[in-house]
Protein backbone atom coordinates (compact mmCIF):
# COMPACT_ATOMS: atom_id res chain seq x y z
CA UNK A 1 -10.28 17.05 11.53
CA UNK A 2 -9.07 16.61 7.95
CA UNK A 3 -6.84 13.67 8.97
CA UNK A 4 -9.76 11.94 10.67
CA UNK A 5 -11.92 12.44 7.58
CA UNK A 6 -9.23 10.98 5.31
CA UNK A 7 -8.85 7.97 7.62
CA UNK A 8 -12.58 7.41 7.45
CA UNK A 9 -12.68 7.83 3.66
CA UNK A 10 -10.06 5.16 3.00
CA UNK A 11 -11.23 2.75 5.66
CA UNK A 12 -14.81 3.01 4.40
CA UNK A 13 -13.62 2.28 0.87
CA UNK A 14 -11.84 -0.95 1.79
CA UNK A 15 -14.64 -2.03 4.11
CA UNK A 16 -17.17 -1.65 1.29
CA UNK A 17 -18.39 -5.10 0.25
CA UNK A 18 -18.14 -4.44 -3.50
CA UNK A 19 -14.56 -3.17 -3.10
CA UNK A 20 -13.75 -6.19 -0.94
CA UNK A 21 -15.13 -8.51 -3.64
CA UNK A 22 -12.92 -6.80 -6.23
CA UNK A 23 -9.73 -7.25 -4.20
CA UNK A 24 -10.71 -10.78 -3.16
CA UNK A 25 -10.87 -11.71 -6.85
CA UNK A 26 -7.61 -9.94 -7.72
CA UNK A 27 -5.05 -12.06 -9.54
CA UNK A 28 -3.28 -14.48 -7.20
CA UNK A 29 0.22 -13.59 -8.37
CA UNK A 30 3.24 -11.86 -6.97
CA UNK A 31 4.19 -8.77 -8.94
CA UNK A 32 7.39 -9.02 -10.95
CA UNK A 33 9.32 -6.67 -8.65
CA UNK A 34 8.09 -8.55 -5.58
CA UNK A 35 9.25 -11.85 -7.07
CA UNK A 36 12.78 -10.57 -7.71
CA UNK A 37 13.24 -8.90 -4.34
CA UNK A 38 11.75 -11.73 -2.27
CA UNK A 39 13.66 -14.35 -4.23
CA UNK A 40 16.91 -12.57 -3.36
CA UNK A 41 15.93 -12.95 0.33
CA UNK A 42 14.96 -16.61 0.06
CA UNK A 43 17.39 -17.89 2.71
CA UNK A 44 16.34 -15.28 5.29
CA UNK A 45 12.64 -15.84 4.64
CA UNK A 46 12.88 -19.59 5.18
CA UNK A 47 13.50 -19.05 8.91
CA UNK A 48 11.41 -15.90 9.34
CA UNK A 49 8.25 -15.16 11.28
CA UNK A 50 6.52 -13.16 8.57
CA UNK A 51 3.79 -10.47 8.75
CA UNK A 52 1.97 -9.75 5.48
CA UNK A 53 0.26 -6.39 5.99
CA UNK A 54 -2.48 -5.08 3.73
CA UNK A 55 -3.02 -8.66 2.65
CA UNK A 56 -6.25 -7.71 0.86
CA UNK A 57 -7.94 -10.76 -0.60
CA UNK A 58 -4.88 -12.97 -0.12
CA UNK A 59 -3.05 -12.17 -3.34
CA UNK A 60 0.36 -12.91 -1.80
CA UNK A 61 -0.64 -15.57 0.74
CA UNK A 62 -0.42 -18.62 -1.48
CA UNK A 63 3.08 -17.66 -2.58
CA UNK A 64 4.50 -16.82 0.84
CA UNK A 65 2.77 -18.84 3.56
CA UNK A 66 4.63 -22.05 2.69
CA UNK A 67 8.04 -20.41 2.29
CA UNK A 68 8.45 -18.88 5.74
CA UNK A 69 8.65 -20.29 9.28
CA UNK A 70 5.33 -18.71 10.26
CA UNK A 71 2.95 -16.48 8.35
CA UNK A 72 0.41 -13.93 9.61
CA UNK A 73 -1.87 -12.04 7.22
CA UNK A 74 -3.13 -8.65 8.42
CA UNK A 75 -5.64 -6.16 7.03
CA UNK A 76 -7.86 -3.46 8.52
CA UNK A 77 -10.82 -4.45 6.36
CA UNK A 78 -12.97 -7.09 8.05
CA UNK A 79 -14.63 -8.19 4.75
CA UNK A 80 -11.19 -8.79 3.21
CA UNK A 81 -9.94 -10.72 6.24
CA UNK A 82 -13.05 -12.89 6.05
CA UNK A 83 -12.39 -13.50 2.34
CA UNK A 84 -8.83 -14.58 3.17
CA UNK A 85 -9.98 -16.95 5.90
CA UNK A 86 -12.44 -18.53 3.51
CA UNK A 87 -9.81 -19.06 0.83
CA UNK A 88 -7.01 -20.12 3.23
CA UNK A 89 -8.71 -21.70 6.27
CA UNK A 90 -5.45 -23.04 7.73
CA UNK A 91 -3.61 -19.69 7.66
CA UNK A 92 -3.55 -17.13 10.47
CA UNK A 93 -5.30 -13.84 9.58
CA UNK A 94 -6.11 -10.85 11.77
CA UNK A 95 -8.15 -7.68 11.33
CA UNK A 96 -5.87 -5.01 12.84
CA UNK A 97 -5.07 -1.33 12.52
CA UNK A 98 -1.28 -1.40 12.20
CA UNK A 99 -1.11 2.28 13.14
CA UNK A 100 -2.23 1.57 16.70
CA UNK A 101 0.55 1.25 19.25
CA UNK A 102 1.89 -2.31 19.68
CA UNK A 103 -0.89 -3.68 17.45
CA UNK A 104 1.69 -6.03 15.92
CA UNK A 105 3.31 -6.99 19.20
CA UNK A 106 6.84 -6.27 20.39
CA UNK A 107 9.76 -8.07 18.71
CA UNK A 108 7.27 -10.47 17.12
CA UNK A 109 8.53 -10.71 13.53
CA UNK A 110 11.66 -11.17 11.46
CA UNK A 111 10.07 -9.75 8.31
CA UNK A 112 7.22 -7.31 7.67
CA UNK A 113 5.84 -6.88 4.15
CA UNK A 114 3.38 -4.09 3.23
CA UNK A 115 2.63 -4.74 -0.43
CA UNK A 116 1.03 -3.02 -3.41
CA UNK A 117 1.44 0.56 -2.12
CA UNK A 118 -0.81 -0.23 0.84
CA UNK A 119 1.13 2.23 2.99
CA UNK A 120 -0.13 5.01 0.72
CA UNK A 121 -3.67 4.57 2.05
CA UNK A 122 -2.40 6.07 5.32
CA UNK A 123 -2.22 9.74 6.24
CA UNK A 124 1.20 11.22 7.00
CA UNK A 125 0.57 10.81 10.73
CA UNK A 126 -0.59 7.21 10.27
CA UNK A 127 2.43 6.50 8.09
CA UNK A 128 4.74 7.64 10.88
CA UNK A 129 2.80 5.55 13.40
CA UNK A 130 3.10 2.47 11.21
CA UNK A 131 6.87 2.88 10.77
CA UNK A 132 7.26 3.32 14.53
CA UNK A 133 5.18 0.20 15.20
CA UNK A 134 6.99 -1.82 12.53
CA UNK A 135 10.35 -0.97 14.10
CA UNK A 136 9.13 -2.05 17.55
CA UNK A 137 7.56 -5.22 16.15
CA UNK A 138 10.69 -6.38 14.33
CA UNK A 139 13.36 -8.37 16.07
CA UNK A 140 16.97 -7.10 15.81
CA UNK A 141 18.12 -7.64 12.24
CA UNK A 142 14.53 -7.90 11.02
CA UNK A 143 13.53 -6.38 7.69
CA UNK A 144 10.70 -4.22 6.39
CA UNK A 145 9.73 -4.26 2.71
CA UNK A 146 7.05 -2.03 1.22
CA UNK A 147 6.19 -0.16 -1.96
CA UNK A 148 4.98 3.40 -2.32
CA UNK A 149 3.94 5.79 -5.09
CA UNK A 150 6.71 7.86 -6.62
CA UNK A 151 6.10 11.60 -6.05
CA UNK A 152 7.85 12.51 -9.28
CA UNK A 153 5.35 10.53 -11.37
CA UNK A 154 2.27 12.02 -9.70
CA UNK A 155 -0.23 14.00 -11.77
CA UNK A 156 -1.55 17.32 -10.55
CA UNK A 157 -5.03 17.11 -9.03
CA UNK A 158 -7.76 17.25 -11.67
CA UNK A 159 -9.94 20.32 -11.77
CA UNK A 160 -13.70 19.91 -11.75
CA UNK A 161 -13.87 20.85 -15.41
CA UNK A 162 -11.34 18.15 -16.31
CA UNK A 163 -13.24 15.53 -14.28
CA UNK A 164 -16.47 16.52 -16.03
CA UNK A 165 -14.78 16.32 -19.43
CA UNK A 166 -13.56 12.82 -18.59
CA UNK A 167 -17.13 11.81 -17.74
CA UNK A 168 -18.44 13.25 -21.01
CA UNK A 169 -15.76 11.37 -22.97
CA UNK A 170 -16.83 8.14 -21.25
CA UNK A 171 -20.45 8.74 -22.21
CA UNK A 172 -19.48 9.28 -25.86
CA UNK A 173 -17.15 6.27 -25.93
CA UNK A 174 -19.66 3.91 -24.32
CA UNK A 175 -23.17 5.06 -25.30
CA UNK A 176 -24.55 1.52 -25.16
CA UNK A 177 -22.77 0.48 -21.97
CA UNK A 178 -24.90 1.97 -19.19
CA UNK A 179 -22.89 0.24 -16.46
CA UNK A 180 -19.71 2.05 -17.55
CA UNK A 181 -21.53 5.37 -17.62
CA UNK A 182 -23.11 4.67 -14.23
CA UNK A 183 -19.72 4.07 -12.60
CA UNK A 184 -18.36 7.14 -14.36
CA UNK A 185 -21.09 9.26 -12.82
CA UNK A 186 -20.43 7.80 -9.36
CA UNK A 187 -16.72 8.52 -9.80
CA UNK A 188 -17.45 12.14 -10.72
CA UNK A 189 -19.77 12.57 -7.72
CA UNK A 190 -17.09 11.18 -5.38
CA UNK A 191 -14.54 13.52 -6.96
CA UNK A 192 -16.73 16.56 -6.31
CA UNK A 193 -17.33 15.44 -2.72
CA UNK A 194 -13.70 14.63 -1.85
CA UNK A 195 -11.55 16.90 -4.04
CA UNK A 196 -10.93 19.44 -1.26
CA UNK A 197 -9.03 16.78 0.72
CA UNK A 198 -6.26 16.63 -1.90
CA UNK A 199 -2.89 18.16 -0.96
CA UNK A 200 0.36 18.77 -2.87
CA UNK A 201 3.58 19.77 -1.06
CA UNK A 202 7.23 19.89 -2.14
CA UNK A 203 7.91 16.23 -1.36
CA UNK A 204 4.52 14.67 -0.59
CA UNK A 205 1.09 14.61 -2.21
CA UNK A 206 -2.28 13.12 -1.25
CA UNK A 207 -4.42 12.59 -4.35
CA UNK A 208 -7.68 10.90 -5.26
CA UNK A 209 -7.22 7.58 -7.01
CA UNK A 210 -9.13 7.90 -10.29
CA UNK A 211 -8.30 4.29 -11.19
CA UNK A 212 -10.47 3.16 -8.27
CA UNK A 213 -13.33 5.54 -9.00
CA UNK A 214 -12.09 8.33 -6.69
CA UNK A 215 -12.99 6.22 -3.65
CA UNK A 216 -9.81 6.94 -1.70
CA UNK A 217 -6.87 9.31 -1.25
CA UNK A 218 -3.40 7.91 -1.90
CA UNK A 219 -0.01 9.28 -0.93
CA UNK A 220 2.85 9.99 -3.34
CA UNK A 221 6.23 10.57 -1.69
CA UNK A 222 9.67 11.79 -2.74
CA UNK A 223 12.06 8.79 -2.35
CA UNK A 224 14.62 11.00 -0.64
CA UNK A 225 12.05 12.01 1.97
CA UNK A 226 10.98 8.40 2.43
CA UNK A 227 14.55 7.35 3.14
CA UNK A 228 14.94 10.21 5.62
CA UNK A 229 11.72 9.14 7.34
CA UNK A 230 12.96 5.55 7.61
CA UNK A 231 16.25 6.70 9.10
CA UNK A 232 14.40 8.91 11.61
CA UNK A 233 12.51 5.83 12.78
CA UNK A 234 15.75 3.90 13.34
CA UNK A 235 15.97 1.82 10.16
CA UNK A 236 19.24 1.33 8.32
CA UNK A 237 20.64 -0.65 5.36
CA UNK A 238 17.98 1.03 3.21
CA UNK A 239 17.81 -0.23 -0.38
CA UNK A 240 15.58 1.20 -3.11
CA UNK A 241 14.23 -0.62 -6.16
CA UNK A 242 12.05 0.52 -9.03
CA UNK A 243 8.69 -1.17 -9.73
CA UNK A 244 10.45 -3.91 -11.72
CA UNK A 245 12.82 -4.79 -8.90
CA UNK A 246 15.85 -3.02 -10.37
CA UNK A 247 18.23 -1.58 -7.79
CA UNK A 248 18.28 2.24 -7.79
CA UNK A 249 21.57 4.01 -6.90
CA UNK A 250 21.35 6.87 -4.41
CA UNK A 251 22.28 9.37 -7.12
CA UNK A 252 19.13 8.46 -9.13
CA UNK A 253 16.46 8.58 -6.42
CA UNK A 254 14.70 11.57 -7.97
CA UNK A 255 14.98 10.17 -11.48
CA UNK A 256 13.16 6.86 -11.00
CA UNK A 257 10.93 6.34 -14.02
CA UNK A 258 8.30 4.04 -12.50
CA UNK A 259 5.12 5.07 -10.74
CA UNK A 260 5.94 3.06 -7.63
CA UNK A 261 9.11 2.32 -5.69
CA UNK A 262 10.14 -0.51 -3.32
CA UNK A 263 11.96 0.17 -0.05
CA UNK A 264 13.82 -2.56 1.83
CA UNK A 265 15.29 -1.66 5.21
CA UNK A 266 16.53 -3.30 8.39
CA UNK A 267 16.36 -2.89 12.14
CA UNK A 268 19.89 -2.84 13.49
CA UNK A 269 21.20 -5.59 15.71
CA UNK A 270 21.29 -8.60 13.38
CA UNK A 271 23.56 -10.00 10.72
């Protein structure tokens, strides 16, 4: 029951029209780490059938669609898919739940990209389903690239008293900015309503995202566990980068000093 509720919470957030407008207006730039990693794969991408998952408002589309053999943008938010189609009318976009079996098709892609910690909007069960589907959807030798929050940089869940104190500080700091106070109150109400869904384990946490007004729960995962999960789903040649695209040696996986981590892995059978 809790998993279903979390799925509904996050899906409702990204299907909200005001949230969709925010992501549709988000800066049309690749992040620095994305630029470095994708640039290093330039030759492979040029002949790749490419799936851009969690495409949002099309932040990555303009940079990638013309550099691959074929490009498909995918998101589970219909308002965001519609925003992408409006901005890029000649590009192929689909509203799909990538956790559903064979939703991406079998052996359909050479490269799957799940950007900007989008995988962290999924529950643990959904995360496993996505990795299973991504493996099936990749051709032999195909690659998966995604980013995820770093468990070792996660903050402990706020207590109600701390959330209330944050709201009071906002009201003092912005006494003549009623819109800021209004959104602060909404954020506090959402926190009180959703706080019991938060979980912290030894290598995985699901926490409310205060930066987005406590609208959704996001996962934070131990890099060692993430690598083990990828191996369990059949992926190999796993490479880890910090948020700035710097290669992380296996001996430093639990000492990464950035809030998010990139994972690049491969389905066996190719060069």
